[in-house]
Amino acid sequence: MKIGISLVILVCLMAITGLGVVYAEVIYTKAGEEIQAKIDERDGDIIWYESSGGEIVEYTGIDIAEVEKVLNDDGSVSDYSPER
C-alpha cells in the first residue's frame, strides 16, 4: 500500500514541477535544433515522434530531409536516410 501512495505522490510532484516524461532519443535538425523525443514510426519521408513541453505531450511529424541525425539513448545513431 505504501508503494502505491508513494507513486501517486511522485506523479503529483512531477505534474506540479513540470517534470514530465524523459525521452530517450534526440533528433538533431539541419537547422541546429535538438528535439528530445520518442520516435514512434516512419511513414514514407516523415518521422513521427512524441515530445513534451511540460505537462503536454505532442505527437509531431518531421520531414526526413530536415533531420541531420537521430541519437539513441545507447549512443548509437539511427539511419533515417530518405527513401529512394
C-alpha atoms as a PDB file:
ATOM      1  CA  MET A   1       0.000   0.000   0.000  1.00  0.00           C
ATOM      2  CA  LYS A   2       2.850   2.418   0.789  1.00  0.00           C
ATOM      3  CA  ILE A   3       4.309   1.909  -2.698  1.00  0.00           C
ATOM      4  CA  GLY A   4       1.007   2.914  -4.318  1.00  0.00           C
ATOM      5  CA  ILE A   5       0.767   6.073  -2.230  1.00  0.00           C
ATOM      6  CA  SER A   6       4.409   6.943  -2.930  1.00  0.00           C
ATOM      7  CA  LEU A   7       3.830   6.536  -6.655  1.00  0.00           C
ATOM      8  CA  VAL A   8       0.787   8.828  -6.556  1.00  0.00           C
ATOM      9  CA  ILE A   9       2.784  11.448  -4.650  1.00  0.00           C
ATOM     10  CA  LEU A  10       5.667  11.206  -7.148  1.00  0.00           C
ATOM     11  CA  VAL A  11       3.348  11.617 -10.128  1.00  0.00           C
ATOM     12  CA  CYS A  12       1.687  14.620  -8.494  1.00  0.00           C
ATOM     13  CA  LEU A  13       5.051  16.232  -7.777  1.00  0.00           C
ATOM     14  CA  MET A  14       6.141  15.652 -11.363  1.00  0.00           C
ATOM     15  CA  ALA A  15       2.967  17.327 -12.630  1.00  0.00           C
ATOM     16  CA  ILE A  16       3.325  20.278 -10.263  1.00  0.00           C
ATOM     17  CA  THR A  17       7.012  20.881 -11.023  1.00  0.00           C
ATOM     18  CA  GLY A  18       6.661  20.312 -14.745  1.00  0.00           C
ATOM     19  CA  LEU A  19       8.833  17.233 -14.750  1.00  0.00           C
ATOM     20  CA  GLY A  20       7.350  15.073 -17.431  1.00  0.00           C
ATOM     21  CA  VAL A  21       8.479  12.133 -19.432  1.00  0.00           C
ATOM     22  CA  VAL A  22      12.164  11.942 -20.316  1.00  0.00           C
ATOM     23  CA  TYR A  23      12.570  10.814 -23.889  1.00  0.00           C
ATOM     24  CA  ALA A  24      15.407   8.554 -24.989  1.00  0.00           C
ATOM     25  CA  GLU A  25      16.152   9.840 -28.470  1.00  0.00           C
ATOM     26  CA  VAL A  26      17.430  13.215 -29.629  1.00  0.00           C
ATOM     27  CA  ILE A  27      16.575  14.413 -33.121  1.00  0.00           C
ATOM     28  CA  TYR A  28      19.172  16.844 -34.476  1.00  0.00           C
ATOM     29  CA  THR A  29      17.785  19.001 -37.274  1.00  0.00           C
ATOM     30  CA  LYS A  30      19.781  20.606 -40.066  1.00  0.00           C
ATOM     31  CA  ALA A  31      18.633  23.976 -38.654  1.00  0.00           C
ATOM     32  CA  GLY A  32      20.528  23.227 -35.414  1.00  0.00           C
ATOM     33  CA  GLU A  33      17.542  22.295 -33.234  1.00  0.00           C
ATOM     34  CA  GLU A  34      17.740  19.417 -30.735  1.00  0.00           C
ATOM     35  CA  ILE A  35      14.438  17.657 -30.028  1.00  0.00           C
ATOM     36  CA  GLN A  36      14.142  15.237 -27.087  1.00  0.00           C
ATOM     37  CA  ALA A  37      11.715  12.649 -28.403  1.00  0.00           C
ATOM     38  CA  LYS A  38      10.398   9.117 -28.573  1.00  0.00           C
ATOM     39  CA  ILE A  39      10.211   8.076 -32.204  1.00  0.00           C
ATOM     40  CA  ASP A  40       7.014   6.161 -32.899  1.00  0.00           C
ATOM     41  CA  GLU A  41       7.231   5.343 -36.587  1.00  0.00           C
ATOM     42  CA  ARG A  42       8.402   6.298 -40.036  1.00  0.00           C
ATOM     43  CA  ASP A  43       5.808   6.833 -42.729  1.00  0.00           C
ATOM     44  CA  GLY A  44       7.487   7.452 -46.069  1.00  0.00           C
ATOM     45  CA  ASP A  45       9.608  10.584 -45.638  1.00  0.00           C
ATOM     46  CA  ILE A  46       8.066  11.575 -42.285  1.00  0.00           C
ATOM     47  CA  ILE A  47       9.346  10.564 -38.832  1.00  0.00           C
ATOM     48  CA  TRP A  48       6.522  10.659 -36.260  1.00  0.00           C
ATOM     49  CA  TYR A  49       7.586  11.306 -32.669  1.00  0.00           C
ATOM     50  CA  GLU A  50       6.349  12.250 -29.207  1.00  0.00           C
ATOM     51  CA  SER A  51       7.853  15.172 -27.340  1.00  0.00           C
ATOM     52  CA  SER A  52       6.879  17.040 -24.207  1.00  0.00           C
ATOM     53  CA  GLY A  53       6.583  20.711 -23.418  1.00  0.00           C
ATOM     54  CA  GLY A  54       5.979  20.275 -19.687  1.00  0.00           C
ATOM     55  CA  GLU A  55       2.694  18.546 -18.995  1.00  0.00           C
ATOM     56  CA  ILE A  56       1.564  18.473 -22.647  1.00  0.00           C
ATOM     57  CA  VAL A  57       2.760  15.597 -24.830  1.00  0.00           C
ATOM     58  CA  GLU A  58       2.810  16.424 -28.533  1.00  0.00           C
ATOM     59  CA  TYR A  59       2.677  13.979 -31.432  1.00  0.00           C
ATOM     60  CA  THR A  60       4.533  15.548 -34.344  1.00  0.00           C
ATOM     61  CA  GLY A  61       5.972  14.636 -37.714  1.00  0.00           C
ATOM     62  CA  ILE A  62       9.210  15.893 -39.219  1.00  0.00           C
ATOM     63  CA  ASP A  63      10.376  15.529 -42.810  1.00  0.00           C
ATOM     64  CA  ILE A  64      13.465  13.343 -43.069  1.00  0.00           C
ATOM     65  CA  ALA A  65      15.086  15.978 -45.289  1.00  0.00           C
ATOM     66  CA  GLU A  66      15.171  18.278 -42.223  1.00  0.00           C
ATOM     67  CA  VAL A  67      16.932  15.708 -39.997  1.00  0.00           C
ATOM     68  CA  GLU A  68      20.701  15.719 -39.556  1.00  0.00           C
ATOM     69  CA  LYS A  69      20.791  12.626 -37.306  1.00  0.00           C
ATOM     70  CA  VAL A  70      18.957  10.784 -34.535  1.00  0.00           C
ATOM     71  CA  LEU A  71      20.946   9.871 -31.433  1.00  0.00           C
ATOM     72  CA  ASN A  72      19.616   6.949 -29.376  1.00  0.00           C
ATOM     73  CA  ASP A  73      19.952   6.576 -25.600  1.00  0.00           C
ATOM     74  CA  ASP A  74      22.629   3.898 -26.055  1.00  0.00           C
ATOM     75  CA  GLY A  75      24.816   6.309 -28.054  1.00  0.00           C
ATOM     76  CA  SER A  76      24.084   4.752 -31.450  1.00  0.00           C
ATOM     77  CA  VAL A  77      22.918   6.840 -34.377  1.00  0.00           C
ATOM     78  CA  SER A  78      19.813   5.789 -36.308  1.00  0.00           C
ATOM     79  CA  ASP A  79      19.830   5.962 -40.083  1.00  0.00           C
ATOM     80  CA  TYR A  80      16.772   7.777 -41.365  1.00  0.00           C
ATOM     81  CA  SER A  81      18.057   8.418 -44.871  1.00  0.00           C
ATOM     82  CA  PRO A  82      15.400   9.451 -47.396  1.00  0.00           C
ATOM     83  CA  GLU A  83      13.964   6.508 -49.313  1.00  0.00           C
ATOM     84  CA  ARG A  84      14.792   6.467 -52.985  1.00  0.00           C
END
